[in-house]
PDB file of N, CA and C in Angstrom:
ATOM      1  N   MET A   1     125.245 -27.507  79.179  1.00  0.00           N
ATOM      2  CA  MET A   1     124.001 -27.743  79.913  1.00  0.00           C
ATOM      3  C   MET A   1     124.209 -28.971  79.676  1.00  0.00           C
ATOM      4  N   VAL A   2     124.198 -29.787  80.856  1.00  0.00           N
ATOM      5  CA  VAL A   2     124.162 -31.769  80.789  1.00  0.00           C
ATOM      6  C   VAL A   2     122.540 -32.010  80.835  1.00  0.00           C
ATOM      7  N   ILE A   3     122.196 -32.869  79.185  1.00  0.00           N
ATOM      8  CA  ILE A   3     120.818 -32.796  79.774  1.00  0.00           C
ATOM      9  C   ILE A   3     120.395 -34.521  79.822  1.00  0.00           C
ATOM     10  N   SER A   4     121.193 -34.927  80.287  1.00  0.00           N
ATOM     11  CA  SER A   4     121.454 -36.407  80.788  1.00  0.00           C
ATOM     12  C   SER A   4     120.688 -36.511  81.469  1.00  0.00           C
ATOM     13  N   GLY A   5     120.584 -35.781  82.881  1.00  0.00           N
ATOM     14  CA  GLY A   5     119.711 -35.642  84.206  1.00  0.00           C
ATOM     15  C   GLY A   5     118.121 -35.189  83.971  1.00  0.00           C
ATOM     16  N   ILE A   6     117.898 -34.919  82.848  1.00  0.00           N
ATOM     17  CA  ILE A   6     116.577 -34.374  82.577  1.00  0.00           C
ATOM     18  C   ILE A   6     115.750 -35.916  81.827  1.00  0.00           C
ATOM     19  N   SER A   7     114.527 -35.850  82.871  1.00  0.00           N
ATOM     20  CA  SER A   7     113.840 -37.378  82.432  1.00  0.00           C
ATOM     21  C   SER A   7     113.579 -37.842  80.440  1.00  0.00           C
ATOM     22  N   SER A   8     113.162 -38.441  80.563  1.00  0.00           N
ATOM     23  CA  SER A   8     112.540 -38.674  78.815  1.00  0.00           C
ATOM     24  C   SER A   8     111.237 -38.045  78.998  1.00  0.00           C
ATOM     25  N   SER A   9     110.601 -38.378  79.930  1.00  0.00           N
ATOM     26  CA  SER A   9     108.862 -38.142  79.384  1.00  0.00           C
ATOM     27  C   SER A   9     109.058 -36.507  79.866  1.00  0.00           C
ATOM     28  N   LEU A  10     110.093 -36.152  80.067  1.00  0.00           N
ATOM     29  CA  LEU A  10     110.075 -34.152  79.914  1.00  0.00           C
ATOM     30  C   LEU A  10     110.785 -34.045  78.572  1.00  0.00           C
ATOM     31  N   LEU A  11     111.286 -34.721  78.141  1.00  0.00           N
ATOM     32  CA  LEU A  11     111.735 -33.867  76.892  1.00  0.00           C
ATOM     33  C   LEU A  11     110.601 -34.818  75.561  1.00  0.00           C
ATOM     34  N   GLN A  12     110.036 -35.577  75.629  1.00  0.00           N
ATOM     35  CA  GLN A  12     108.544 -35.692  75.402  1.00  0.00           C
ATOM     36  C   GLN A  12     107.959 -34.519  75.482  1.00  0.00           C
ATOM     37  N   GLN A  13     107.565 -34.129  76.541  1.00  0.00           N
ATOM     38  CA  GLN A  13     106.599 -33.383  76.934  1.00  0.00           C
ATOM     39  C   GLN A  13     106.773 -31.858  76.415  1.00  0.00           C
ATOM     40  N   ILE A  14     108.118 -31.619  76.088  1.00  0.00           N
ATOM     41  CA  ILE A  14     108.773 -30.909  75.491  1.00  0.00           C
ATOM     42  C   ILE A  14     108.543 -30.587  74.257  1.00  0.00           C
ATOM     43  N   ASN A  15     109.177 -31.807  73.472  1.00  0.00           N
ATOM     44  CA  ASN A  15     108.803 -31.741  71.906  1.00  0.00           C
ATOM     45  C   ASN A  15     107.464 -32.052  71.698  1.00  0.00           C
ATOM     46  N   ASN A  16     106.631 -32.424  72.721  1.00  0.00           N
ATOM     47  CA  ASN A  16     105.112 -32.436  72.141  1.00  0.00           C
ATOM     48  C   ASN A  16     104.613 -30.990  72.179  1.00  0.00           C
ATOM     49  N   GLY A  17     105.035 -30.613  72.854  1.00  0.00           N
ATOM     50  CA  GLY A  17     104.740 -28.534  72.727  1.00  0.00           C
ATOM     51  C   GLY A  17     104.997 -28.251  71.842  1.00  0.00           C
ATOM     52  N   ALA A  18     106.448 -27.966  71.637  1.00  0.00           N
ATOM     53  CA  ALA A  18     106.700 -27.621  69.909  1.00  0.00           C
ATOM     54  C   ALA A  18     106.388 -27.991  68.549  1.00  0.00           C
ATOM     55  N   THR A  19     106.107 -29.298  68.681  1.00  0.00           N
ATOM     56  CA  THR A  19     104.664 -30.182  67.752  1.00  0.00           C
ATOM     57  C   THR A  19     103.413 -28.943  67.645  1.00  0.00           C
ATOM     58  N   GLN A  20     102.616 -29.107  68.948  1.00  0.00           N
ATOM     59  CA  GLN A  20     101.778 -28.459  68.916  1.00  0.00           C
ATOM     60  C   GLN A  20     101.361 -26.992  68.931  1.00  0.00           C
ATOM     61  N   THR A  21     102.485 -25.883  68.951  1.00  0.00           N
ATOM     62  CA  THR A  21     102.317 -25.167  68.514  1.00  0.00           C
ATOM     63  C   THR A  21     102.876 -25.374  67.028  1.00  0.00           C
ATOM     64  N   GLY A  22     103.826 -25.611  65.933  1.00  0.00           N
ATOM     65  CA  GLY A  22     103.684 -25.724  64.988  1.00  0.00           C
ATOM     66  C   GLY A  22     102.449 -26.346  64.527  1.00  0.00           C
ATOM     67  N   ASP A  23     101.582 -27.407  64.764  1.00  0.00           N
ATOM     68  CA  ASP A  23     100.850 -27.874  64.504  1.00  0.00           C
ATOM     69  C   ASP A  23      99.644 -26.693  64.153  1.00  0.00           C
ATOM     70  N   ALA A  24      99.710 -25.600  65.489  1.00  0.00           N
ATOM     71  CA  ALA A  24      98.293 -24.628  65.320  1.00  0.00           C
ATOM     72  C   ALA A  24      98.608 -23.569  64.258  1.00  0.00           C
ATOM     73  N   VAL A  25     100.072 -23.261  63.861  1.00  0.00           N
ATOM     74  CA  VAL A  25     100.435 -22.189  63.010  1.00  0.00           C
ATOM     75  C   VAL A  25      99.776 -23.117  61.415  1.00  0.00           C
ATOM     76  N   SER A  26      99.633 -24.500  61.474  1.00  0.00           N
ATOM     77  CA  SER A  26      99.924 -24.905  60.115  1.00  0.00           C
ATOM     78  C   SER A  26      98.309 -24.788  60.231  1.00  0.00           C
ATOM     79  N   ILE A  27      97.664 -24.888  61.117  1.00  0.00           N
ATOM     80  CA  ILE A  27      96.093 -25.207  61.186  1.00  0.00           C
ATOM     81  C   ILE A  27      95.586 -23.451  60.980  1.00  0.00           C
ATOM     82  N   LYS A  28      96.064 -22.819  61.173  1.00  0.00           N
ATOM     83  CA  LYS A  28      95.839 -21.036  61.045  1.00  0.00           C
ATOM     84  C   LYS A  28      96.226 -20.537  60.060  1.00  0.00           C
ATOM     85  N   MET A  29      97.035 -21.025  59.477  1.00  0.00           N
ATOM     86  CA  MET A  29      97.156 -21.167  57.718  1.00  0.00           C
ATOM     87  C   MET A  29      96.530 -21.869  56.831  1.00  0.00           C
ATOM     88  N   MET A  30      96.003 -23.095  57.287  1.00  0.00           N
ATOM     89  CA  MET A  30      94.964 -23.867  56.362  1.00  0.00           C
ATOM     90  C   MET A  30      93.999 -23.133  56.512  1.00  0.00           C
ATOM     91  N   ARG A  31      93.904 -22.947  57.331  1.00  0.00           N
ATOM     92  CA  ARG A  31      92.150 -21.927  57.760  1.00  0.00           C
ATOM     93  C   ARG A  31      92.105 -20.806  56.551  1.00  0.00           C
ATOM     94  N   GLU A  32      93.309 -20.375  56.341  1.00  0.00           N
ATOM     95  CA  GLU A  32      92.975 -19.048  56.046  1.00  0.00           C
ATOM     96  C   GLU A  32      93.017 -19.212  54.605  1.00  0.00           C
ATOM     97  N   ALA A  33      93.898 -20.204  54.078  1.00  0.00           N
ATOM     98  CA  ALA A  33      93.967 -20.847  52.933  1.00  0.00           C
ATOM     99  C   ALA A  33      92.378 -20.953  52.473  1.00  0.00           C
ATOM    100  N   LEU A  34      91.809 -21.607  52.956  1.00  0.00           N
ATOM    101  CA  LEU A  34      90.540 -22.017  52.770  1.00  0.00           C
ATOM    102  C   LEU A  34      89.735 -20.910  52.450  1.00  0.00           C
ATOM    103  N   ASP A  35      89.514 -20.113  53.191  1.00  0.00           N
ATOM    104  CA  ASP A  35      88.880 -18.906  53.229  1.00  0.00           C
ATOM    105  C   ASP A  35      89.184 -18.367  52.149  1.00  0.00           C
ATOM    106  N   ILE A  36      90.368 -18.107  51.693  1.00  0.00           N
ATOM    107  CA  ILE A  36      90.632 -17.297  50.276  1.00  0.00           C
ATOM    108  C   ILE A  36      90.063 -17.950  49.383  1.00  0.00           C
ATOM    109  N   GLN A  37      90.257 -19.476  49.387  1.00  0.00           N
ATOM    110  CA  GLN A  37      89.495 -20.231  48.509  1.00  0.00           C
ATOM    111  C   GLN A  37      88.078 -20.338  48.208  1.00  0.00           C
ATOM    112  N   SER A  38      87.192 -19.844  49.129  1.00  0.00           N
ATOM    113  CA  SER A  38      85.956 -20.253  49.416  1.00  0.00           C
ATOM    114  C   SER A  38      85.546 -18.292  48.933  1.00  0.00           C
ATOM    115  N   ALA A  39      86.115 -17.209  49.396  1.00  0.00           N
ATOM    116  CA  ALA A  39      85.838 -16.250  48.786  1.00  0.00           C
ATOM    117  C   ALA A  39      85.524 -16.236  47.568  1.00  0.00           C
ATOM    118  N   GLN A  40      87.096 -16.494  46.836  1.00  0.00           N
ATOM    119  CA  GLN A  40      87.349 -16.826  45.196  1.00  0.00           C
ATOM    120  C   GLN A  40      86.146 -17.426  44.757  1.00  0.00           C
ATOM    121  N   ALA A  41      85.825 -18.455  44.614  1.00  0.00           N
ATOM    122  CA  ALA A  41      84.756 -19.556  44.111  1.00  0.00           C
ATOM    123  C   ALA A  41      83.639 -18.800  44.446  1.00  0.00           C
ATOM    124  N   ALA A  42      83.011 -18.219  45.442  1.00  0.00           N
ATOM    125  CA  ALA A  42      81.725 -17.222  45.656  1.00  0.00           C
ATOM    126  C   ALA A  42      82.098 -16.231  44.274  1.00  0.00           C
ATOM    127  N   GLN A  43      82.681 -15.623  44.430  1.00  0.00           N
ATOM    128  CA  GLN A  43      83.070 -14.623  43.669  1.00  0.00           C
ATOM    129  C   GLN A  43      83.120 -15.181  41.976  1.00  0.00           C
ATOM    130  N   LEU A  44      83.349 -16.436  41.529  1.00  0.00           N
ATOM    131  CA  LEU A  44      83.664 -16.864  40.711  1.00  0.00           C
ATOM    132  C   LEU A  44      82.268 -17.369  40.126  1.00  0.00           C
ATOM    133  N   ILE A  45      81.777 -17.894  40.698  1.00  0.00           N
ATOM    134  CA  ILE A  45      80.090 -18.815  41.021  1.00  0.00           C
ATOM    135  C   ILE A  45      79.548 -17.245  40.446  1.00  0.00           C
ATOM    136  N   ASN A  46      79.191 -16.166  41.076  1.00  0.00           N
ATOM    137  CA  ASN A  46      78.727 -14.975  40.720  1.00  0.00           C
ATOM    138  C   ASN A  46      78.860 -14.122  39.772  1.00  0.00           C
ATOM    139  N   SER A  47      80.073 -14.298  39.409  1.00  0.00           N
ATOM    140  CA  SER A  47      80.460 -13.628  37.985  1.00  0.00           C
ATOM    141  C   SER A  47      79.911 -14.792  36.885  1.00  0.00           C
ATOM    142  N   VAL A  48      79.712 -15.769  36.749  1.00  0.00           N
ATOM    143  CA  VAL A  48      79.206 -16.648  35.976  1.00  0.00           C
ATOM    144  C   VAL A  48      77.839 -16.421  36.101  1.00  0.00           C
ATOM    145  N   ALA A  49      77.186 -16.281  36.764  1.00  0.00           N
ATOM    146  CA  ALA A  49      75.399 -16.672  36.753  1.00  0.00           C
ATOM    147  C   ALA A  49      75.332 -14.937  36.246  1.00  0.00           C
ATOM    148  N   GLU A  50      76.254 -13.787  36.364  1.00  0.00           N
ATOM    149  CA  GLU A  50      76.123 -12.290  36.039  1.00  0.00           C
ATOM    150  C   GLU A  50      75.908 -12.425  34.598  1.00  0.00           C
ATOM    151  N   SER A  51      76.661 -13.257  34.109  1.00  0.00           N
ATOM    152  CA  SER A  51      77.079 -12.878  32.728  1.00  0.00           C
ATOM    153  C   SER A  51      76.539 -14.306  31.964  1.00  0.00           C
ATOM    154  N   VAL A  52      75.443 -15.519  32.221  1.00  0.00           N
ATOM    155  CA  VAL A  52      74.628 -15.881  31.327  1.00  0.00           C
ATOM    156  C   VAL A  52      72.965 -15.039  31.742  1.00  0.00           C
ATOM    157  N   PRO A  53      72.682 -14.643  30.176  1.00  0.00           N
ATOM    158  CA  PRO A  53      71.440 -14.404  29.610  1.00  0.00           C
ATOM    159  C   PRO A  53      70.233 -14.685  30.545  1.00  0.00           C
ATOM    160  N   ALA A  54      69.126 -13.698  30.714  1.00  0.00           N
ATOM    161  CA  ALA A  54      67.810 -14.331  30.968  1.00  0.00           C
ATOM    162  C   ALA A  54      67.646 -15.069  29.970  1.00  0.00           C
ATOM    163  N   PRO A  55      66.402 -16.072  30.533  1.00  0.00           N
ATOM    164  CA  PRO A  55      65.630 -16.537  29.181  1.00  0.00           C
ATOM    165  C   PRO A  55      64.698 -15.839  28.542  1.00  0.00           C
ATOM    166  N   ALA A  56      64.316 -16.192  27.574  1.00  0.00           N
ATOM    167  CA  ALA A  56      63.460 -15.487  27.148  1.00  0.00           C
ATOM    168  C   ALA A  56      62.265 -16.026  27.820  1.00  0.00           C
ATOM    169  N   LYS A  57      61.123 -14.759  27.375  1.00  0.00           N
ATOM    170  CA  LYS A  57      59.505 -15.303  28.126  1.00  0.00           C
ATOM    171  C   LYS A  57      58.965 -16.070  26.849  1.00  0.00           C
ATOM    172  N   GLY A  58      58.445 -17.349  27.427  1.00  0.00           N
ATOM    173  CA  GLY A  58      58.012 -17.973  26.983  1.00  0.00           C
ATOM    174  C   GLY A  58      58.610 -19.829  26.183  1.00  0.00           C
ATOM    175  N   ASN A  59      60.037 -19.576  26.593  1.00  0.00           N
ATOM    176  CA  ASN A  59      61.030 -20.900  26.343  1.00  0.00           C
ATOM    177  C   ASN A  59      60.523 -21.592  27.531  1.00  0.00           C
ATOM    178  N   GLY A  60      60.028 -22.911  26.825  1.00  0.00           N
ATOM    179  CA  GLY A  60      59.635 -24.074  28.026  1.00  0.00           C
ATOM    180  C   GLY A  60      58.245 -24.356  28.145  1.00  0.00           C
ATOM    181  N   GLN A  61      57.697 -23.170  27.476  1.00  0.00           N
ATOM    182  CA  GLN A  61      56.492 -23.270  27.889  1.00  0.00           C
ATOM    183  C   GLN A  61      55.111 -23.831  27.314  1.00  0.00           C
ATOM    184  N   HIS A  62      55.639 -23.641  25.770  1.00  0.00           N
ATOM    185  CA  HIS A  62      55.114 -24.745  24.731  1.00  0.00           C
ATOM    186  C   HIS A  62      55.643 -25.642  24.291  1.00  0.00           C
ATOM    187  N   ILE A  63      55.147 -26.712  24.128  1.00  0.00           N
ATOM    188  CA  ILE A  63      55.222 -28.141  23.283  1.00  0.00           C
ATOM    189  C   ILE A  63      55.219 -28.204  21.555  1.00  0.00           C
ATOM    190  N   ASP A  64      55.433 -27.765  20.816  1.00  0.00           N
ATOM    191  CA  ASP A  64      55.026 -28.412  19.349  1.00  0.00           C
ATOM    192  C   ASP A  64      55.201 -29.665  19.113  1.00  0.00           C
ATOM    193  N   ILE A  65      54.076 -30.847  18.783  1.00  0.00           N
ATOM    194  CA  ILE A  65      53.873 -31.721  18.750  1.00  0.00           C
ATOM    195  C   ILE A  65      53.671 -32.136  16.649  1.00  0.00           C
ATOM    196  N   LYS A  66      54.038 -32.530  16.388  1.00  0.00           N
ATOM    197  CA  LYS A  66      54.310 -33.092  14.631  1.00  0.00           C
ATOM    198  C   LYS A  66      54.152 -34.742  14.783  1.00  0.00           C
ATOM    199  N   VAL A  67      52.931 -34.872  14.187  1.00  0.00           N
ATOM    200  CA  VAL A  67      53.133 -36.585  13.790  1.00  0.00           C
ATOM    201  C   VAL A  67      52.843 -36.888  12.700  1.00  0.00           C
TER     202      VAL A  67
END
C-alpha cells in the first residue's frame, strides 16, 4: 500500500485517535488504582480508630492547680 497519497492531516487524525484511545485506557486504569487506594486508606483509618481505647470518664474534666 502506498501511503504517500494520504494527506498528512488524515494521518495526524488517525494518530490522534490512537493516542486518545490509549489515553482513555490510561485514565480508566488510573481511576481504578485511585479507587483501590481510597478503599485501602478508609480501611486503614477505620482499623486505627477501632484499636484506640475509649478515654476514661473524667479525663480532661478536672484541672488540679497547685500554687
